[in-house]
Amino acid sequence: GLGFNIVGGTDQQYISNDSSIYVSRIKKDGAAYLDGRLQEGDKILAVNGRDLKDLRHKDAVELFRNAGYDVSLKIQRRLQPQNGPVGHRGDGESGGLPLAAILVPGLALAAAAVWILLRYRQRM
C-alpha cells in the first residue's frame, strides 16, 4: 500500500460539515513515511489528478488502492492543530519544546558558573 490511513468522506465526515479526506496515520517504514512529504492531518484534494470532493469513504479508499505505482497527491497542509485523533500524537509529547531542550543548556550554564566560582575562590 501507500503507507497511510485516511478518514473522512461524505458518509463518514471527520470534521462537521466537511466531507474531505484526511490523512489520519502515517505507517512507520511505509512508502509515505519513507518519502517524508505527507503528514498526518493533511487534507488530500486529489489522487493522480482525480478530485476527491464528494466521495464516500470506501470510494476514496478504492482510488488509493488502484492508484498504481507512481502516485501523485494534491494536498492541503493543515496549519493549525485541531482536537481529535488527527492532531493527537499519542506518544505523550505536547508538540512544544521538550523539557530537555530547556534543562540541559540551563544545567550546563549552572555547572559552568559553579566551576568558575570555585576556580575564582581557589585563587583568593
PDB file of N, CA and C in Angstrom:
ATOM      1  N   GLY A   1       0.809  -1.196   0.000  1.00  0.00           N
ATOM      2  CA  GLY A   1       0.000   0.000   0.000  1.00  0.00           C
ATOM      3  C   GLY A   1       0.851   1.258   0.000  1.00  0.00           C
ATOM      4  N   LEU A   2       0.199   2.375   0.159  1.00  0.00           N
ATOM      5  CA  LEU A   2       0.874   3.667   0.145  1.00  0.00           C
ATOM      6  C   LEU A   2       1.448   4.032   1.509  1.00  0.00           C
ATOM      7  N   GLY A   3       1.042   3.312   2.539  1.00  0.00           N
ATOM      8  CA  GLY A   3       1.645   3.520   3.849  1.00  0.00           C
ATOM      9  C   GLY A   3       0.974   4.578   4.700  1.00  0.00           C
ATOM     10  N   PHE A   4      -0.316   4.829   4.466  1.00  0.00           N
ATOM     11  CA  PHE A   4      -1.033   5.763   5.334  1.00  0.00           C
ATOM     12  C   PHE A   4      -2.508   5.398   5.376  1.00  0.00           C
ATOM     13  N   ASN A   5      -3.170   5.839   6.432  1.00  0.00           N
ATOM     14  CA  ASN A   5      -4.610   5.641   6.595  1.00  0.00           C
ATOM     15  C   ASN A   5      -5.318   6.967   6.372  1.00  0.00           C
ATOM     16  N   ILE A   6      -6.578   6.864   5.966  1.00  0.00           N
ATOM     17  CA  ILE A   6      -7.382   8.069   5.738  1.00  0.00           C
ATOM     18  C   ILE A   6      -8.668   8.010   6.555  1.00  0.00           C
ATOM     19  N   VAL A   7      -9.215   9.193   6.800  1.00  0.00           N
ATOM     20  CA  VAL A   7     -10.537   9.343   7.408  1.00  0.00           C
ATOM     21  C   VAL A   7     -11.305  10.348   6.571  1.00  0.00           C
ATOM     22  N   GLY A   8     -12.618  10.333   6.730  1.00  0.00           N
ATOM     23  CA  GLY A   8     -13.451  11.310   6.042  1.00  0.00           C
ATOM     24  C   GLY A   8     -14.253  10.693   4.911  1.00  0.00           C
ATOM     25  N   GLY A   9     -14.960  11.546   4.194  1.00  0.00           N
ATOM     26  CA  GLY A   9     -15.846  11.146   3.103  1.00  0.00           C
ATOM     27  C   GLY A   9     -17.252  11.653   3.384  1.00  0.00           C
ATOM     28  N   THR A  10     -18.100  11.588   2.378  1.00  0.00           N
ATOM     29  CA  THR A  10     -19.458  12.117   2.550  1.00  0.00           C
ATOM     30  C   THR A  10     -20.248  11.326   3.576  1.00  0.00           C
ATOM     31  N   ASP A  11     -19.928  10.048   3.734  1.00  0.00           N
ATOM     32  CA  ASP A  11     -20.660   9.195   4.652  1.00  0.00           C
ATOM     33  C   ASP A  11     -20.002   9.056   6.023  1.00  0.00           C
ATOM     34  N   GLN A  12     -18.766   9.554   6.158  1.00  0.00           N
ATOM     35  CA  GLN A  12     -18.037   9.438   7.435  1.00  0.00           C
ATOM     36  C   GLN A  12     -17.260  10.720   7.700  1.00  0.00           C
ATOM     37  N   GLN A  13     -17.959  11.838   7.778  1.00  0.00           N
ATOM     38  CA  GLN A  13     -17.288  13.119   7.959  1.00  0.00           C
ATOM     39  C   GLN A  13     -16.433  13.121   9.218  1.00  0.00           C
ATOM     40  N   TYR A  14     -15.171  13.439   9.052  1.00  0.00           N
ATOM     41  CA  TYR A  14     -14.257  13.525  10.186  1.00  0.00           C
ATOM     42  C   TYR A  14     -14.451  14.850  10.914  1.00  0.00           C
ATOM     43  N   ILE A  15     -14.665  15.914  10.153  1.00  0.00           N
ATOM     44  CA  ILE A  15     -14.930  17.245  10.687  1.00  0.00           C
ATOM     45  C   ILE A  15     -16.342  17.629  10.266  1.00  0.00           C
ATOM     46  N   SER A  16     -17.134  18.147  11.190  1.00  0.00           N
ATOM     47  CA  SER A  16     -18.521  18.504  10.892  1.00  0.00           C
ATOM     48  C   SER A  16     -18.609  19.392   9.659  1.00  0.00           C
ATOM     49  N   ASN A  17     -19.557  19.095   8.810  1.00  0.00           N
ATOM     50  CA  ASN A  17     -19.820  19.848   7.578  1.00  0.00           C
ATOM     51  C   ASN A  17     -18.620  19.875   6.635  1.00  0.00           C
ATOM     52  N   ASP A  18     -17.776  18.849   6.690  1.00  0.00           N
ATOM     53  CA  ASP A  18     -16.618  18.759   5.805  1.00  0.00           C
ATOM     54  C   ASP A  18     -16.452  17.297   5.406  1.00  0.00           C
ATOM     55  N   SER A  19     -16.700  17.003   4.146  1.00  0.00           N
ATOM     56  CA  SER A  19     -16.618  15.616   3.684  1.00  0.00           C
ATOM     57  C   SER A  19     -15.263  15.306   3.047  1.00  0.00           C
ATOM     58  N   SER A  20     -14.267  16.135   3.333  1.00  0.00           N
ATOM     59  CA  SER A  20     -12.931  15.941   2.764  1.00  0.00           C
ATOM     60  C   SER A  20     -12.269  14.686   3.327  1.00  0.00           C
ATOM     61  N   ILE A  21     -11.220  14.255   2.621  1.00  0.00           N
ATOM     62  CA  ILE A  21     -10.431  13.093   3.016  1.00  0.00           C
ATOM     63  C   ILE A  21      -9.148  13.597   3.680  1.00  0.00           C
ATOM     64  N   TYR A  22      -8.842  13.060   4.855  1.00  0.00           N
ATOM     65  CA  TYR A  22      -7.666  13.473   5.625  1.00  0.00           C
ATOM     66  C   TYR A  22      -6.766  12.289   5.912  1.00  0.00           C
ATOM     67  N   VAL A  23      -5.468  12.559   6.038  1.00  0.00           N
ATOM     68  CA  VAL A  23      -4.510  11.537   6.456  1.00  0.00           C
ATOM     69  C   VAL A  23      -4.616  11.405   7.965  1.00  0.00           C
ATOM     70  N   SER A  24      -4.957  10.205   8.435  1.00  0.00           N
ATOM     71  CA  SER A  24      -5.104  10.009   9.876  1.00  0.00           C
ATOM     72  C   SER A  24      -3.851   9.407  10.491  1.00  0.00           C
ATOM     73  N   ARG A  25      -3.093   8.640   9.706  1.00  0.00           N
ATOM     74  CA  ARG A  25      -1.924   7.973  10.266  1.00  0.00           C
ATOM     75  C   ARG A  25      -0.937   7.645   9.156  1.00  0.00           C
ATOM     76  N   ILE A  26       0.327   7.914   9.413  1.00  0.00           N
ATOM     77  CA  ILE A  26       1.408   7.519   8.516  1.00  0.00           C
ATOM     78  C   ILE A  26       2.031   6.267   9.121  1.00  0.00           C
ATOM     79  N   LYS A  27       2.078   5.196   8.357  1.00  0.00           N
ATOM     80  CA  LYS A  27       2.633   3.938   8.861  1.00  0.00           C
ATOM     81  C   LYS A  27       4.153   3.975   8.792  1.00  0.00           C
ATOM     82  N   LYS A  28       4.772   3.685   9.924  1.00  0.00           N
ATOM     83  CA  LYS A  28       6.236   3.696  10.001  1.00  0.00           C
ATOM     84  C   LYS A  28       6.822   2.732   8.976  1.00  0.00           C
ATOM     85  N   ASP A  29       7.824   3.214   8.253  1.00  0.00           N
ATOM     86  CA  ASP A  29       8.529   2.460   7.218  1.00  0.00           C
ATOM     87  C   ASP A  29       7.688   2.179   5.977  1.00  0.00           C
ATOM     88  N   GLY A  30       6.500   2.781   5.879  1.00  0.00           N
ATOM     89  CA  GLY A  30       5.697   2.655   4.664  1.00  0.00           C
ATOM     90  C   GLY A  30       6.176   3.656   3.620  1.00  0.00           C
ATOM     91  N   ALA A  31       5.585   3.603   2.435  1.00  0.00           N
ATOM     92  CA  ALA A  31       6.004   4.468   1.324  1.00  0.00           C
ATOM     93  C   ALA A  31       5.891   5.948   1.685  1.00  0.00           C
ATOM     94  N   ALA A  32       4.775   6.361   2.293  1.00  0.00           N
ATOM     95  CA  ALA A  32       4.589   7.771   2.648  1.00  0.00           C
ATOM     96  C   ALA A  32       5.593   8.211   3.702  1.00  0.00           C
ATOM     97  N   TYR A  33       5.875   7.345   4.661  1.00  0.00           N
ATOM     98  CA  TYR A  33       6.843   7.650   5.718  1.00  0.00           C
ATOM     99  C   TYR A  33       8.241   7.831   5.120  1.00  0.00           C
ATOM    100  N   LEU A  34       8.625   6.912   4.250  1.00  0.00           N
ATOM    101  CA  LEU A  34       9.955   6.967   3.646  1.00  0.00           C
ATOM    102  C   LEU A  34      10.108   8.181   2.736  1.00  0.00           C
ATOM    103  N   ASP A  35       9.026   8.573   2.061  1.00  0.00           N
ATOM    104  CA  ASP A  35       9.065   9.761   1.205  1.00  0.00           C
ATOM    105  C   ASP A  35       9.187  11.026   2.055  1.00  0.00           C
ATOM    106  N   GLY A  36       8.469  11.092   3.154  1.00  0.00           N
ATOM    107  CA  GLY A  36       8.618  12.179   4.117  1.00  0.00           C
ATOM    108  C   GLY A  36       7.831  13.443   3.852  1.00  0.00           C
ATOM    109  N   ARG A  37       7.120  13.536   2.768  1.00  0.00           N
ATOM    110  CA  ARG A  37       6.400  14.784   2.470  1.00  0.00           C
ATOM    111  C   ARG A  37       4.997  14.827   3.053  1.00  0.00           C
ATOM    112  N   LEU A  38       4.297  13.711   3.092  1.00  0.00           N
ATOM    113  CA  LEU A  38       2.932  13.665   3.602  1.00  0.00           C
ATOM    114  C   LEU A  38       2.960  13.679   5.121  1.00  0.00           C
ATOM    115  N   GLN A  39       2.008  14.378   5.727  1.00  0.00           N
ATOM    116  CA  GLN A  39       1.937  14.464   7.180  1.00  0.00           C
ATOM    117  C   GLN A  39       0.544  14.108   7.662  1.00  0.00           C
ATOM    118  N   GLU A  40       0.487  13.580   8.885  1.00  0.00           N
ATOM    119  CA  GLU A  40      -0.817  13.322   9.490  1.00  0.00           C
ATOM    120  C   GLU A  40      -1.564  14.642   9.604  1.00  0.00           C
ATOM    121  N   GLY A  41      -2.837  14.623   9.243  1.00  0.00           N
ATOM    122  CA  GLY A  41      -3.654  15.833   9.275  1.00  0.00           C
ATOM    123  C   GLY A  41      -3.783  16.520   7.927  1.00  0.00           C
ATOM    124  N   ASP A  42      -2.956  16.133   6.950  1.00  0.00           N
ATOM    125  CA  ASP A  42      -3.068  16.720   5.616  1.00  0.00           C
ATOM    126  C   ASP A  42      -4.417  16.358   4.995  1.00  0.00           C
ATOM    127  N   LYS A  43      -4.996  17.334   4.291  1.00  0.00           N
ATOM    128  CA  LYS A  43      -6.219  17.086   3.532  1.00  0.00           C
ATOM    129  C   LYS A  43      -5.789  16.675   2.124  1.00  0.00           C
ATOM    130  N   ILE A  44      -6.297  15.559   1.644  1.00  0.00           N
ATOM    131  CA  ILE A  44      -5.956  15.104   0.299  1.00  0.00           C
ATOM    132  C   ILE A  44      -7.039  15.593  -0.647  1.00  0.00           C
ATOM    133  N   LEU A  45      -6.634  16.437  -1.581  1.00  0.00           N
ATOM    134  CA  LEU A  45      -7.583  17.046  -2.510  1.00  0.00           C
ATOM    135  C   LEU A  45      -7.776  16.205  -3.768  1.00  0.00           C
ATOM    136  N   ALA A  46      -6.698  15.542  -4.229  1.00  0.00           N
ATOM    137  CA  ALA A  46      -6.777  14.758  -5.461  1.00  0.00           C
ATOM    138  C   ALA A  46      -5.727  13.655  -5.457  1.00  0.00           C
ATOM    139  N   VAL A  47      -6.039  12.560  -6.157  1.00  0.00           N
ATOM    140  CA  VAL A  47      -5.120  11.437  -6.355  1.00  0.00           C
ATOM    141  C   VAL A  47      -4.962  11.243  -7.854  1.00  0.00           C
ATOM    142  N   ASN A  48      -3.734  11.363  -8.340  1.00  0.00           N
ATOM    143  CA  ASN A  48      -3.451  11.224  -9.777  1.00  0.00           C
ATOM    144  C   ASN A  48      -4.382  12.098 -10.623  1.00  0.00           C
ATOM    145  N   GLY A  49      -4.655  13.305 -10.124  1.00  0.00           N
ATOM    146  CA  GLY A  49      -5.497  14.252 -10.847  1.00  0.00           C
ATOM    147  C   GLY A  49      -6.986  14.065 -10.631  1.00  0.00           C
ATOM    148  N   ARG A  50      -7.389  13.028  -9.951  1.00  0.00           N
ATOM    149  CA  ARG A  50      -8.811  12.767  -9.696  1.00  0.00           C
ATOM    150  C   ARG A  50      -9.223  13.444  -8.404  1.00  0.00           C
ATOM    151  N   ASP A  51     -10.166  14.378  -8.491  1.00  0.00           N
ATOM    152  CA  ASP A  51     -10.662  15.139  -7.343  1.00  0.00           C
ATOM    153  C   ASP A  51     -11.360  14.211  -6.351  1.00  0.00           C
ATOM    154  N   LEU A  52     -11.087  14.396  -5.066  1.00  0.00           N
ATOM    155  CA  LEU A  52     -11.698  13.568  -4.030  1.00  0.00           C
ATOM    156  C   LEU A  52     -12.950  14.198  -3.437  1.00  0.00           C
ATOM    157  N   LYS A  53     -13.371  15.311  -3.964  1.00  0.00           N
ATOM    158  CA  LYS A  53     -14.534  16.012  -3.428  1.00  0.00           C
ATOM    159  C   LYS A  53     -15.804  15.174  -3.605  1.00  0.00           C
ATOM    160  N   ASP A  54     -16.597  15.152  -2.544  1.00  0.00           N
ATOM    161  CA  ASP A  54     -17.907  14.484  -2.537  1.00  0.00           C
ATOM    162  C   ASP A  54     -17.842  12.985  -2.812  1.00  0.00           C
ATOM    163  N   LEU A  55     -16.820  12.326  -2.277  1.00  0.00           N
ATOM    164  CA  LEU A  55     -16.718  10.870  -2.392  1.00  0.00           C
ATOM    165  C   LEU A  55     -17.054  10.211  -1.065  1.00  0.00           C
ATOM    166  N   ARG A  56     -17.650   9.026  -1.143  1.00  0.00           N
ATOM    167  CA  ARG A  56     -17.825   8.226   0.064  1.00  0.00           C
ATOM    168  C   ARG A  56     -16.457   7.698   0.479  1.00  0.00           C
ATOM    169  N   HIS A  57     -16.317   7.355   1.752  1.00  0.00           N
ATOM    170  CA  HIS A  57     -15.037   6.882   2.279  1.00  0.00           C
ATOM    171  C   HIS A  57     -14.535   5.668   1.496  1.00  0.00           C
ATOM    172  N   LYS A  58     -15.396   4.691   1.282  1.00  0.00           N
ATOM    173  CA  LYS A  58     -14.954   3.468   0.609  1.00  0.00           C
ATOM    174  C   LYS A  58     -14.538   3.740  -0.841  1.00  0.00           C
ATOM    175  N   ASP A  59     -15.154   4.725  -1.496  1.00  0.00           N
ATOM    176  CA  ASP A  59     -14.758   5.068  -2.870  1.00  0.00           C
ATOM    177  C   ASP A  59     -13.380   5.730  -2.882  1.00  0.00           C
ATOM    178  N   ALA A  60     -13.100   6.540  -1.872  1.00  0.00           N
ATOM    179  CA  ALA A  60     -11.777   7.155  -1.754  1.00  0.00           C
ATOM    180  C   ALA A  60     -10.722   6.079  -1.513  1.00  0.00           C
ATOM    181  N   VAL A  61     -11.035   5.121  -0.636  1.00  0.00           N
ATOM    182  CA  VAL A  61     -10.114   4.018  -0.368  1.00  0.00           C
ATOM    183  C   VAL A  61      -9.817   3.257  -1.661  1.00  0.00           C
ATOM    184  N   GLU A  62     -10.826   2.994  -2.458  1.00  0.00           N
ATOM    185  CA  GLU A  62     -10.626   2.293  -3.733  1.00  0.00           C
ATOM    186  C   GLU A  62      -9.714   3.074  -4.677  1.00  0.00           C
ATOM    187  N   LEU A  63      -9.874   4.396  -4.708  1.00  0.00           N
ATOM    188  CA  LEU A  63      -8.994   5.218  -5.552  1.00  0.00           C
ATOM    189  C   LEU A  63      -7.532   5.048  -5.139  1.00  0.00           C
ATOM    190  N   PHE A  64      -7.276   5.032  -3.842  1.00  0.00           N
ATOM    191  CA  PHE A  64      -5.911   4.851  -3.358  1.00  0.00           C
ATOM    192  C   PHE A  64      -5.397   3.451  -3.681  1.00  0.00           C
ATOM    193  N   ARG A  65      -6.238   2.460  -3.502  1.00  0.00           N
ATOM    194  CA  ARG A  65      -5.822   1.075  -3.775  1.00  0.00           C
ATOM    195  C   ARG A  65      -5.479   0.864  -5.247  1.00  0.00           C
ATOM    196  N   ASN A  66      -6.160   1.576  -6.126  1.00  0.00           N
ATOM    197  CA  ASN A  66      -5.949   1.412  -7.569  1.00  0.00           C
ATOM    198  C   ASN A  66      -5.087   2.519  -8.167  1.00  0.00           C
ATOM    199  N   ALA A  67      -4.366   3.246  -7.331  1.00  0.00           N
ATOM    200  CA  ALA A  67      -3.605   4.411  -7.801  1.00  0.00           C
ATOM    201  C   ALA A  67      -2.380   4.027  -8.637  1.00  0.00           C
ATOM    202  N   GLY A  68      -1.893   2.821  -8.487  1.00  0.00           N
ATOM    203  CA  GLY A  68      -0.732   2.395  -9.250  1.00  0.00           C
ATOM    204  C   GLY A  68       0.568   2.635  -8.498  1.00  0.00           C
ATOM    205  N   TYR A  69       1.671   2.474  -9.217  1.00  0.00           N
ATOM    206  CA  TYR A  69       2.995   2.566  -8.609  1.00  0.00           C
ATOM    207  C   TYR A  69       3.426   4.020  -8.411  1.00  0.00           C
ATOM    208  N   ASP A  70       3.259   4.849  -9.432  1.00  0.00           N
ATOM    209  CA  ASP A  70       3.586   6.279  -9.327  1.00  0.00           C
ATOM    210  C   ASP A  70       2.323   7.034  -8.968  1.00  0.00           C
ATOM    211  N   VAL A  71       2.301   7.580  -7.764  1.00  0.00           N
ATOM    212  CA  VAL A  71       1.101   8.243  -7.254  1.00  0.00           C
ATOM    213  C   VAL A  71       1.379   9.718  -7.058  1.00  0.00           C
ATOM    214  N   SER A  72       0.478  10.541  -7.552  1.00  0.00           N
ATOM    215  CA  SER A  72       0.569  11.985  -7.385  1.00  0.00           C
ATOM    216  C   SER A  72      -0.585  12.429  -6.489  1.00  0.00           C
ATOM    217  N   LEU A  73      -0.241  13.078  -5.381  1.00  0.00           N
ATOM    218  CA  LEU A  73      -1.263  13.572  -4.461  1.00  0.00           C
ATOM    219  C   LEU A  73      -1.253  15.091  -4.448  1.00  0.00           C
ATOM    220  N   LYS A  74      -2.425  15.677  -4.482  1.00  0.00           N
ATOM    221  CA  LYS A  74      -2.568  17.116  -4.263  1.00  0.00           C
ATOM    222  C   LYS A  74      -3.120  17.247  -2.848  1.00  0.00           C
ATOM    223  N   ILE A  75      -2.351  17.923  -2.000  1.00  0.00           N
ATOM    224  CA  ILE A  75      -2.748  18.010  -0.600  1.00  0.00           C
ATOM    225  C   ILE A  75      -2.845  19.458  -0.144  1.00  0.00           C
ATOM    226  N   GLN A  76      -3.524  19.631   0.959  1.00  0.00           N
ATOM    227  CA  GLN A  76      -3.573  20.926   1.641  1.00  0.00           C
ATOM    228  C   GLN A  76      -3.071  20.679   3.050  1.00  0.00           C
ATOM    229  N   ARG A  77      -1.992  21.356   3.400  1.00  0.00           N
ATOM    230  CA  ARG A  77      -1.370  21.181   4.715  1.00  0.00           C
ATOM    231  C   ARG A  77      -2.225  21.865   5.759  1.00  0.00           C
ATOM    232  N   ARG A  78      -2.453  21.194   6.869  1.00  0.00           N
ATOM    233  CA  ARG A  78      -3.196  21.813   7.957  1.00  0.00           C
ATOM    234  C   ARG A  78      -2.238  22.693   8.737  1.00  0.00           C
ATOM    235  N   LEU A  79      -2.581  23.953   8.894  1.00  0.00           N
ATOM    236  CA  LEU A  79      -1.703  24.909   9.547  1.00  0.00           C
ATOM    237  C   LEU A  79      -1.849  24.902  11.055  1.00  0.00           C
ATOM    238  N   GLN A  80      -3.046  24.711  11.533  1.00  0.00           N
ATOM    239  CA  GLN A  80      -3.261  24.745  12.978  1.00  0.00           C
ATOM    240  C   GLN A  80      -3.840  23.423  13.430  1.00  0.00           C
ATOM    241  N   PRO A  81      -3.307  22.868  14.522  1.00  0.00           N
ATOM    242  CA  PRO A  81      -3.845  21.602  15.013  1.00  0.00           C
ATOM    243  C   PRO A  81      -5.269  21.753  15.498  1.00  0.00           C
ATOM    244  N   GLN A  82      -6.025  20.678  15.330  1.00  0.00           N
ATOM    245  CA  GLN A  82      -7.403  20.646  15.816  1.00  0.00           C
ATOM    246  C   GLN A  82      -7.520  19.543  16.842  1.00  0.00           C
ATOM    247  N   ASN A  83      -8.596  19.575  17.598  1.00  0.00           N
ATOM    248  CA  ASN A  83      -8.843  18.491  18.552  1.00  0.00           C
ATOM    249  C   ASN A  83      -9.203  17.234  17.776  1.00  0.00           C
ATOM    250  N   GLY A  84      -8.885  16.093  18.335  1.00  0.00           N
ATOM    251  CA  GLY A  84      -9.278  14.842  17.707  1.00  0.00           C
ATOM    252  C   GLY A  84      -8.077  13.997  17.361  1.00  0.00           C
ATOM    253  N   PRO A  85      -8.342  12.815  16.816  1.00  0.00           N
ATOM    254  CA  PRO A  85      -7.286  11.841  16.568  1.00  0.00           C
ATOM    255  C   PRO A  85      -6.212  12.316  15.603  1.00  0.00           C
ATOM    256  N   VAL A  86      -6.548  13.128  14.611  1.00  0.00           N
ATOM    257  CA  VAL A  86      -5.547  13.526  13.627  1.00  0.00           C
ATOM    258  C   VAL A  86      -4.472  14.394  14.249  1.00  0.00           C
ATOM    259  N   GLY A  87      -4.861  15.338  15.115  1.00  0.00           N
ATOM    260  CA  GLY A  87      -3.886  16.232  15.717  1.00  0.00           C
ATOM    261  C   GLY A  87      -3.196  15.645  16.926  1.00  0.00           C
ATOM    262  N   HIS A  88      -3.670  14.506  17.407  1.00  0.00           N
ATOM    263  CA  HIS A  88      -3.115  13.915  18.620  1.00  0.00           C
ATOM    264  C   HIS A  88      -1.987  12.965  18.270  1.00  0.00           C
ATOM    265  N   ARG A  89      -0.839  13.182  18.864  1.00  0.00           N
ATOM    266  CA  ARG A  89       0.314  12.337  18.569  1.00  0.00           C
ATOM    267  C   ARG A  89       0.261  11.027  19.316  1.00  0.00           C
ATOM    268  N   GLY A  90      -0.307  11.012  20.504  1.00  0.00           N
ATOM    269  CA  GLY A  90      -0.462   9.776  21.244  1.00  0.00           C
ATOM    270  C   GLY A  90       0.807   9.236  21.861  1.00  0.00           C
ATOM    271  N   ASP A  91       1.906   9.973  21.802  1.00  0.00           N
ATOM    272  CA  ASP A  91       3.150   9.456  22.365  1.00  0.00           C
ATOM    273  C   ASP A  91       3.590  10.258  23.578  1.00  0.00           C
ATOM    274  N   GLY A  92       2.693  11.073  24.131  1.00  0.00           N
ATOM    275  CA  GLY A  92       2.996  11.814  25.343  1.00  0.00           C
ATOM    276  C   GLY A  92       3.657  13.152  25.102  1.00  0.00           C
ATOM    277  N   GLU A  93       3.966  13.494  23.866  1.00  0.00           N
ATOM    278  CA  GLU A  93       4.598  14.775  23.587  1.00  0.00           C
ATOM    279  C   GLU A  93       3.528  15.826  23.358  1.00  0.00           C
ATOM    280  N   SER A  94       3.784  17.020  23.852  1.00  0.00           N
ATOM    281  CA  SER A  94       2.802  18.089  23.731  1.00  0.00           C
ATOM    282  C   SER A  94       2.938  18.851  22.431  1.00  0.00           C
ATOM    283  N   GLY A  95       4.011  18.666  21.710  1.00  0.00           N
ATOM    284  CA  GLY A  95       4.227  19.399  20.481  1.00  0.00           C
ATOM    285  C   GLY A  95       5.072  20.642  20.694  1.00  0.00           C
ATOM    286  N   GLY A  96       5.302  21.040  21.935  1.00  0.00           N
ATOM    287  CA  GLY A  96       6.151  22.196  22.230  1.00  0.00           C
ATOM    288  C   GLY A  96       7.598  21.762  22.376  1.00  0.00           C
ATOM    289  N   LEU A  97       8.400  22.616  22.995  1.00  0.00           N
ATOM    290  CA  LEU A  97       9.799  22.255  23.236  1.00  0.00           C
ATOM    291  C   LEU A  97       9.879  21.142  24.263  1.00  0.00           C
ATOM    292  N   PRO A  98      10.696  20.142  24.004  1.00  0.00           N
ATOM    293  CA  PRO A  98      10.890  19.113  25.027  1.00  0.00           C
ATOM    294  C   PRO A  98      11.567  19.723  26.255  1.00  0.00           C
ATOM    295  N   LEU A  99      11.254  19.205  27.412  1.00  0.00           N
ATOM    296  CA  LEU A  99      11.815  19.711  28.658  1.00  0.00           C
ATOM    297  C   LEU A  99      13.340  19.669  28.626  1.00  0.00           C
ATOM    298  N   ALA A 100      13.905  18.646  28.021  1.00  0.00           N
ATOM    299  CA  ALA A 100      15.364  18.512  27.957  1.00  0.00           C
ATOM    300  C   ALA A 100      16.005  19.661  27.171  1.00  0.00           C
ATOM    301  N   ALA A 101      15.289  20.217  26.205  1.00  0.00           N
ATOM    302  CA  ALA A 101      15.835  21.323  25.419  1.00  0.00           C
ATOM    303  C   ALA A 101      16.029  22.567  26.274  1.00  0.00           C
ATOM    304  N   ILE A 102      15.318  22.647  27.373  1.00  0.00           N
ATOM    305  CA  ILE A 102      15.448  23.782  28.289  1.00  0.00           C
ATOM    306  C   ILE A 102      16.400  23.437  29.435  1.00  0.00           C
ATOM    307  N   LEU A 103      16.227  22.238  30.002  1.00  0.00           N
ATOM    308  CA  LEU A 103      17.001  21.853  31.169  1.00  0.00           C
ATOM    309  C   LEU A 103      18.482  21.627  30.885  1.00  0.00           C
ATOM    310  N   VAL A 104      18.807  20.954  29.787  1.00  0.00           N
ATOM    311  CA  VAL A 104      20.211  20.623  29.516  1.00  0.00           C
ATOM    312  C   VAL A 104      21.077  21.877  29.378  1.00  0.00           C
ATOM    313  N   PRO A 105      20.690  22.863  28.544  1.00  0.00           N
ATOM    314  CA  PRO A 105      21.514  24.078  28.487  1.00  0.00           C
ATOM    315  C   PRO A 105      21.552  24.831  29.819  1.00  0.00           C
ATOM    316  N   GLY A 106      20.439  24.833  30.538  1.00  0.00           N
ATOM    317  CA  GLY A 106      20.399  25.515  31.838  1.00  0.00           C
ATOM    318  C   GLY A 106      21.333  24.862  32.844  1.00  0.00           C
ATOM    319  N   LEU A 107      21.341  23.536  32.871  1.00  0.00           N
ATOM    320  CA  LEU A 107      22.234  22.817  33.775  1.00  0.00           C
ATOM    321  C   LEU A 107      23.691  23.011  33.371  1.00  0.00           C
ATOM    322  N   ALA A 108      23.956  23.050  32.089  1.00  0.00           N
ATOM    323  CA  ALA A 108      25.328  23.271  31.614  1.00  0.00           C
ATOM    324  C   ALA A 108      25.820  24.652  32.050  1.00  0.00           C
ATOM    325  N   LEU A 109      24.965  25.661  31.937  1.00  0.00           N
ATOM    326  CA  LEU A 109      25.332  27.010  32.369  1.00  0.00           C
ATOM    327  C   LEU A 109      25.570  27.064  33.882  1.00  0.00           C
ATOM    328  N   ALA A 110      24.699  26.389  34.626  1.00  0.00           N
ATOM    329  CA  ALA A 110      24.847  26.366  36.085  1.00  0.00           C
ATOM    330  C   ALA A 110      26.152  25.675  36.482  1.00  0.00           C
ATOM    331  N   ALA A 111      26.467  24.544  35.821  1.00  0.00           N
ATOM    332  CA  ALA A 111      27.715  23.829  36.127  1.00  0.00           C
ATOM    333  C   ALA A 111      28.925  24.697  35.797  1.00  0.00           C
ATOM    334  N   ALA A 112      28.877  25.401  34.681  1.00  0.00           N
ATOM    335  CA  ALA A 112      29.985  26.284  34.295  1.00  0.00           C
ATOM    336  C   ALA A 112      30.145  27.413  35.320  1.00  0.00           C
ATOM    337  N   ALA A 113      29.029  27.968  35.800  1.00  0.00           N
ATOM    338  CA  ALA A 113      29.087  29.050  36.783  1.00  0.00           C
ATOM    339  C   ALA A 113      29.695  28.552  38.092  1.00  0.00           C
ATOM    340  N   VAL A 114      29.319  27.366  38.538  1.00  0.00           N
ATOM    341  CA  VAL A 114      29.881  26.795  39.764  1.00  0.00           C
ATOM    342  C   VAL A 114      31.370  26.547  39.587  1.00  0.00           C
ATOM    343  N   TRP A 115      31.775  25.999  38.463  1.00  0.00           N
ATOM    344  CA  TRP A 115      33.186  25.729  38.190  1.00  0.00           C
ATOM    345  C   TRP A 115      34.002  27.028  38.220  1.00  0.00           C
ATOM    346  N   ILE A 116      33.478  28.080  37.582  1.00  0.00           N
ATOM    347  CA  ILE A 116      34.177  29.376  37.564  1.00  0.00           C
ATOM    348  C   ILE A 116      34.269  29.944  38.983  1.00  0.00           C
ATOM    349  N   LEU A 117      33.193  29.853  39.744  1.00  0.00           N
ATOM    350  CA  LEU A 117      33.185  30.350  41.111  1.00  0.00           C
ATOM    351  C   LEU A 117      34.221  29.615  41.977  1.00  0.00           C
ATOM    352  N   LEU A 118      34.280  28.292  41.848  1.00  0.00           N
ATOM    353  CA  LEU A 118      35.249  27.510  42.618  1.00  0.00           C
ATOM    354  C   LEU A 118      36.683  27.854  42.213  1.00  0.00           C
ATOM    355  N   ARG A 119      36.942  28.013  40.948  1.00  0.00           N
ATOM    356  CA  ARG A 119      38.285  28.382  40.481  1.00  0.00           C
ATOM    357  C   ARG A 119      38.667  29.773  40.991  1.00  0.00           C
ATOM    358  N   TYR A 120      37.716  30.683  40.989  1.00  0.00           N
ATOM    359  CA  TYR A 120      37.955  32.040  41.444  1.00  0.00           C
ATOM    360  C   TYR A 120      38.266  32.036  42.949  1.00  0.00           C
ATOM    361  N   ARG A 121      37.533  31.242  43.741  1.00  0.00           N
ATOM    362  CA  ARG A 121      37.732  31.186  45.193  1.00  0.00           C
ATOM    363  C   ARG A 121      39.090  30.558  45.529  1.00  0.00           C
ATOM    364  N   GLN A 122      39.542  29.602  44.702  1.00  0.00           N
ATOM    365  CA  GLN A 122      40.832  28.954  44.958  1.00  0.00           C
ATOM    366  C   GLN A 122      41.967  29.943  44.787  1.00  0.00           C
ATOM    367  N   ARG A 123      41.822  30.890  43.909  1.00  0.00           N
ATOM    368  CA  ARG A 123      42.877  31.871  43.637  1.00  0.00           C
ATOM    369  C   ARG A 123      42.952  32.952  44.706  1.00  0.00           C
ATOM    370  N   MET A 124      41.920  33.099  45.507  1.00  0.00           N
ATOM    371  CA  MET A 124      41.893  34.152  46.524  1.00  0.00           C
ATOM    372  C   MET A 124      42.588  33.746  47.788  1.00  0.00           C
TER     373      MET A 124
END
